[in-house]
Amino acid sequence: MSVLVRFTPSSATTAEQYDETIRRLQEAGDFPPPGMEYHVCFLSDGSLRVSEIWDSREQLDAFGERLMPVLAEVGIDPGEPEMLEIHNIIRR
């Protein structure tokens, strides 16, 4: 079952912190990870947010184990992600 995950960091997060996180993950060969279909980073009301679509919750959880230490190193508290089961995806 595919899942949509929405992250709203519980602390102020800058684009520089986000960019550094992506850079570190890419250098480690961990980004994009297996099972991640889409990753979107955007601003909403001045706050940085991330939404992702994953093939499975298990793949998301496996990546989370590698992601969390990197987030801690760059000073991002991801907060509690919102998880939603996907009923349908339509692509153009």
N, C-alpha and C. Protein backbone atom coordinates (compact mmCIF):
# COMPACT_ATOMS: atom_id res chain seq x y z
N MET A 1 0.85 -1.18 0.00
CA MET A 1 0.00 0.00 0.00
C MET A 1 0.88 1.23 0.00
N SER A 2 0.70 2.12 -0.96
CA SER A 2 1.45 3.37 -1.02
C SER A 2 0.99 4.32 0.08
N VAL A 3 1.92 5.15 0.54
CA VAL A 3 1.60 6.12 1.59
C VAL A 3 2.08 7.50 1.19
N LEU A 4 1.33 8.49 1.61
CA LEU A 4 1.71 9.90 1.48
C LEU A 4 2.15 10.33 2.86
N VAL A 5 3.32 10.96 2.93
CA VAL A 5 3.86 11.43 4.20
C VAL A 5 4.05 12.93 4.10
N ARG A 6 3.56 13.65 5.11
CA ARG A 6 3.71 15.10 5.13
C ARG A 6 4.46 15.48 6.41
N PHE A 7 5.58 16.17 6.19
CA PHE A 7 6.42 16.61 7.31
C PHE A 7 6.28 18.11 7.49
N THR A 8 6.01 18.51 8.72
CA THR A 8 6.03 19.91 9.10
C THR A 8 6.99 20.00 10.28
N PRO A 9 8.23 20.45 10.04
CA PRO A 9 9.21 20.50 11.13
C PRO A 9 8.65 21.27 12.32
N SER A 10 8.96 20.76 13.53
CA SER A 10 8.46 21.43 14.73
C SER A 10 9.35 22.59 15.15
N SER A 11 10.48 22.76 14.47
CA SER A 11 11.34 23.91 14.73
C SER A 11 11.53 24.66 13.41
N ALA A 12 11.90 25.93 13.50
CA ALA A 12 12.15 26.71 12.29
C ALA A 12 13.26 26.04 11.50
N THR A 13 13.00 25.78 10.23
CA THR A 13 13.96 25.10 9.36
C THR A 13 14.24 25.98 8.16
N THR A 14 15.52 26.13 7.84
CA THR A 14 15.90 26.97 6.72
C THR A 14 16.12 26.14 5.46
N ALA A 15 16.08 26.81 4.33
CA ALA A 15 16.38 26.14 3.06
C ALA A 15 17.82 25.63 3.07
N GLU A 16 18.71 26.34 3.75
CA GLU A 16 20.10 25.90 3.84
C GLU A 16 20.22 24.59 4.60
N GLN A 17 19.47 24.43 5.70
CA GLN A 17 19.48 23.16 6.45
C GLN A 17 18.94 22.04 5.57
N TYR A 18 17.85 22.32 4.87
CA TYR A 18 17.27 21.31 3.97
C TYR A 18 18.29 20.92 2.90
N ASP A 19 18.90 21.90 2.25
CA ASP A 19 19.87 21.63 1.18
C ASP A 19 21.05 20.82 1.70
N GLU A 20 21.50 21.14 2.91
CA GLU A 20 22.62 20.40 3.51
C GLU A 20 22.22 18.95 3.79
N THR A 21 21.00 18.75 4.23
CA THR A 21 20.51 17.39 4.47
C THR A 21 20.51 16.59 3.18
N ILE A 22 19.98 17.16 2.12
CA ILE A 22 19.94 16.47 0.83
C ILE A 22 21.35 16.18 0.33
N ARG A 23 22.25 17.16 0.47
CA ARG A 23 23.64 16.97 0.03
C ARG A 23 24.29 15.80 0.76
N ARG A 24 24.11 15.73 2.08
CA ARG A 24 24.71 14.64 2.87
C ARG A 24 24.13 13.29 2.48
N LEU A 25 22.82 13.24 2.28
CA LEU A 25 22.19 11.98 1.90
C LEU A 25 22.67 11.53 0.53
N GLN A 26 22.78 12.45 -0.41
CA GLN A 26 23.26 12.10 -1.75
C GLN A 26 24.70 11.63 -1.72
N GLU A 27 25.54 12.30 -0.95
CA GLU A 27 26.94 11.89 -0.85
C GLU A 27 27.08 10.50 -0.24
N ALA A 28 26.17 10.14 0.66
CA ALA A 28 26.19 8.82 1.29
C ALA A 28 25.54 7.75 0.40
N GLY A 29 24.97 8.19 -0.74
CA GLY A 29 24.29 7.25 -1.63
C GLY A 29 22.90 6.86 -1.15
N ASP A 30 22.34 7.66 -0.24
CA ASP A 30 21.04 7.37 0.36
C ASP A 30 19.88 8.19 -0.21
N PHE A 31 20.12 8.93 -1.30
CA PHE A 31 19.03 9.76 -1.81
C PHE A 31 19.12 9.87 -3.31
N PRO A 32 18.05 9.60 -4.01
CA PRO A 32 16.76 9.17 -3.49
C PRO A 32 16.80 7.70 -3.07
N PRO A 33 16.11 7.37 -2.00
CA PRO A 33 16.14 6.00 -1.49
C PRO A 33 15.16 5.09 -2.24
N PRO A 34 15.39 3.78 -2.16
CA PRO A 34 14.45 2.83 -2.76
C PRO A 34 13.06 3.00 -2.16
N GLY A 35 12.06 3.00 -3.00
CA GLY A 35 10.67 3.08 -2.54
C GLY A 35 10.09 4.47 -2.52
N MET A 36 10.94 5.51 -2.64
CA MET A 36 10.42 6.88 -2.67
C MET A 36 10.01 7.21 -4.10
N GLU A 37 8.73 7.43 -4.29
CA GLU A 37 8.21 7.75 -5.62
C GLU A 37 8.35 9.24 -5.93
N TYR A 38 8.00 10.09 -4.96
CA TYR A 38 8.06 11.55 -5.13
C TYR A 38 8.54 12.20 -3.84
N HIS A 39 9.25 13.30 -4.00
CA HIS A 39 9.70 14.11 -2.87
C HIS A 39 9.50 15.56 -3.29
N VAL A 40 8.76 16.32 -2.50
CA VAL A 40 8.48 17.72 -2.81
C VAL A 40 8.76 18.54 -1.57
N CYS A 41 9.62 19.55 -1.72
CA CYS A 41 9.90 20.50 -0.64
C CYS A 41 9.30 21.83 -1.05
N PHE A 42 8.59 22.48 -0.13
CA PHE A 42 7.91 23.73 -0.47
C PHE A 42 7.75 24.60 0.77
N LEU A 43 7.41 25.86 0.54
CA LEU A 43 7.12 26.79 1.63
C LEU A 43 5.61 26.94 1.76
N SER A 44 5.14 26.94 2.99
CA SER A 44 3.73 27.17 3.27
C SER A 44 3.67 28.11 4.47
N ASP A 45 3.09 29.27 4.27
CA ASP A 45 3.02 30.29 5.32
C ASP A 45 4.40 30.58 5.90
N GLY A 46 5.42 30.60 5.05
CA GLY A 46 6.78 30.90 5.48
C GLY A 46 7.53 29.76 6.12
N SER A 47 6.89 28.59 6.23
CA SER A 47 7.54 27.42 6.85
C SER A 47 7.89 26.40 5.78
N LEU A 48 9.07 25.80 5.93
CA LEU A 48 9.51 24.76 5.02
C LEU A 48 8.77 23.46 5.34
N ARG A 49 8.26 22.81 4.31
CA ARG A 49 7.54 21.55 4.49
C ARG A 49 7.98 20.57 3.41
N VAL A 50 7.79 19.29 3.68
CA VAL A 50 8.13 18.23 2.74
C VAL A 50 6.98 17.24 2.67
N SER A 51 6.64 16.85 1.44
CA SER A 51 5.66 15.78 1.23
C SER A 51 6.33 14.73 0.35
N GLU A 52 6.04 13.46 0.64
CA GLU A 52 6.61 12.36 -0.13
C GLU A 52 5.56 11.30 -0.36
N ILE A 53 5.73 10.57 -1.46
CA ILE A 53 4.93 9.38 -1.73
C ILE A 53 5.88 8.21 -1.74
N TRP A 54 5.54 7.19 -0.97
CA TRP A 54 6.36 5.99 -0.82
C TRP A 54 5.58 4.76 -1.28
N ASP A 55 6.33 3.79 -1.82
CA ASP A 55 5.71 2.52 -2.24
C ASP A 55 5.16 1.76 -1.05
N SER A 56 5.84 1.86 0.11
CA SER A 56 5.36 1.15 1.30
C SER A 56 5.85 1.83 2.57
N ARG A 57 5.15 1.58 3.63
CA ARG A 57 5.52 2.10 4.95
C ARG A 57 6.86 1.50 5.40
N GLU A 58 7.10 0.24 5.05
CA GLU A 58 8.34 -0.43 5.44
C GLU A 58 9.56 0.26 4.82
N GLN A 59 9.46 0.66 3.55
CA GLN A 59 10.57 1.34 2.89
C GLN A 59 10.80 2.72 3.51
N LEU A 60 9.72 3.41 3.85
CA LEU A 60 9.83 4.70 4.52
C LEU A 60 10.52 4.53 5.87
N ASP A 61 10.11 3.54 6.64
CA ASP A 61 10.70 3.31 7.95
C ASP A 61 12.19 2.98 7.85
N ALA A 62 12.57 2.17 6.85
CA ALA A 62 13.98 1.82 6.67
C ALA A 62 14.80 3.06 6.35
N PHE A 63 14.28 3.95 5.51
CA PHE A 63 14.99 5.18 5.19
C PHE A 63 15.05 6.10 6.41
N GLY A 64 13.98 6.14 7.18
CA GLY A 64 13.94 6.98 8.37
C GLY A 64 15.06 6.68 9.34
N GLU A 65 15.48 5.43 9.43
CA GLU A 65 16.58 5.06 10.32
C GLU A 65 17.89 5.70 9.88
N ARG A 66 18.06 5.92 8.58
CA ARG A 66 19.27 6.58 8.07
C ARG A 66 19.11 8.10 8.07
N LEU A 67 17.87 8.57 7.90
CA LEU A 67 17.60 10.00 7.81
C LEU A 67 17.69 10.72 9.15
N MET A 68 17.15 10.13 10.19
CA MET A 68 17.04 10.82 11.48
C MET A 68 18.39 11.31 12.03
N PRO A 69 19.47 10.52 11.97
CA PRO A 69 20.75 11.05 12.45
C PRO A 69 21.24 12.26 11.64
N VAL A 70 20.98 12.26 10.34
CA VAL A 70 21.39 13.39 9.50
C VAL A 70 20.60 14.63 9.88
N LEU A 71 19.30 14.48 10.08
CA LEU A 71 18.48 15.62 10.49
C LEU A 71 18.98 16.19 11.81
N ALA A 72 19.32 15.33 12.76
CA ALA A 72 19.82 15.78 14.06
C ALA A 72 21.13 16.55 13.89
N GLU A 73 22.00 16.08 13.01
CA GLU A 73 23.29 16.74 12.78
C GLU A 73 23.13 18.15 12.22
N VAL A 74 22.13 18.36 11.37
CA VAL A 74 21.94 19.70 10.77
C VAL A 74 20.95 20.55 11.56
N GLY A 75 20.41 20.01 12.65
CA GLY A 75 19.55 20.79 13.52
C GLY A 75 18.10 20.87 13.12
N ILE A 76 17.60 19.83 12.42
CA ILE A 76 16.19 19.81 12.03
C ILE A 76 15.43 18.83 12.91
N ASP A 77 14.36 19.32 13.54
CA ASP A 77 13.44 18.45 14.27
C ASP A 77 12.24 18.25 13.35
N PRO A 78 12.10 17.05 12.76
CA PRO A 78 11.06 16.86 11.75
C PRO A 78 9.63 16.84 12.30
N GLY A 79 9.49 16.80 13.61
CA GLY A 79 8.15 16.71 14.17
C GLY A 79 7.56 15.33 13.90
N GLU A 80 6.29 15.21 14.12
CA GLU A 80 5.59 13.94 13.89
C GLU A 80 4.97 13.98 12.50
N PRO A 81 5.41 13.09 11.60
CA PRO A 81 4.87 13.14 10.24
C PRO A 81 3.41 12.68 10.18
N GLU A 82 2.69 13.26 9.26
CA GLU A 82 1.32 12.83 9.00
C GLU A 82 1.39 11.74 7.93
N MET A 83 0.79 10.58 8.19
CA MET A 83 0.81 9.44 7.27
C MET A 83 -0.60 9.18 6.75
N LEU A 84 -0.70 9.08 5.43
CA LEU A 84 -2.00 8.86 4.81
C LEU A 84 -1.88 7.73 3.79
N GLU A 85 -2.77 6.75 3.86
CA GLU A 85 -2.78 5.70 2.85
C GLU A 85 -3.33 6.26 1.55
N ILE A 86 -2.69 5.90 0.45
CA ILE A 86 -3.10 6.41 -0.86
C ILE A 86 -4.11 5.45 -1.47
N HIS A 87 -5.21 6.00 -1.91
CA HIS A 87 -6.24 5.20 -2.58
C HIS A 87 -5.97 5.08 -4.08
N ASN A 88 -5.48 6.19 -4.68
CA ASN A 88 -5.29 6.20 -6.13
C ASN A 88 -4.29 7.26 -6.51
N ILE A 89 -3.49 6.97 -7.52
CA ILE A 89 -2.57 7.95 -8.09
C ILE A 89 -2.84 8.01 -9.60
N ILE A 90 -3.02 9.20 -10.11
CA ILE A 90 -3.23 9.39 -11.55
C ILE A 90 -2.08 10.24 -12.05
N ARG A 91 -1.39 9.75 -13.06
CA ARG A 91 -0.27 10.49 -13.65
C ARG A 91 -0.65 10.95 -15.03
N ARG A 92 -0.07 12.07 -15.44
CA ARG A 92 -0.36 12.53 -16.79
C ARG A 92 0.52 11.82 -17.79
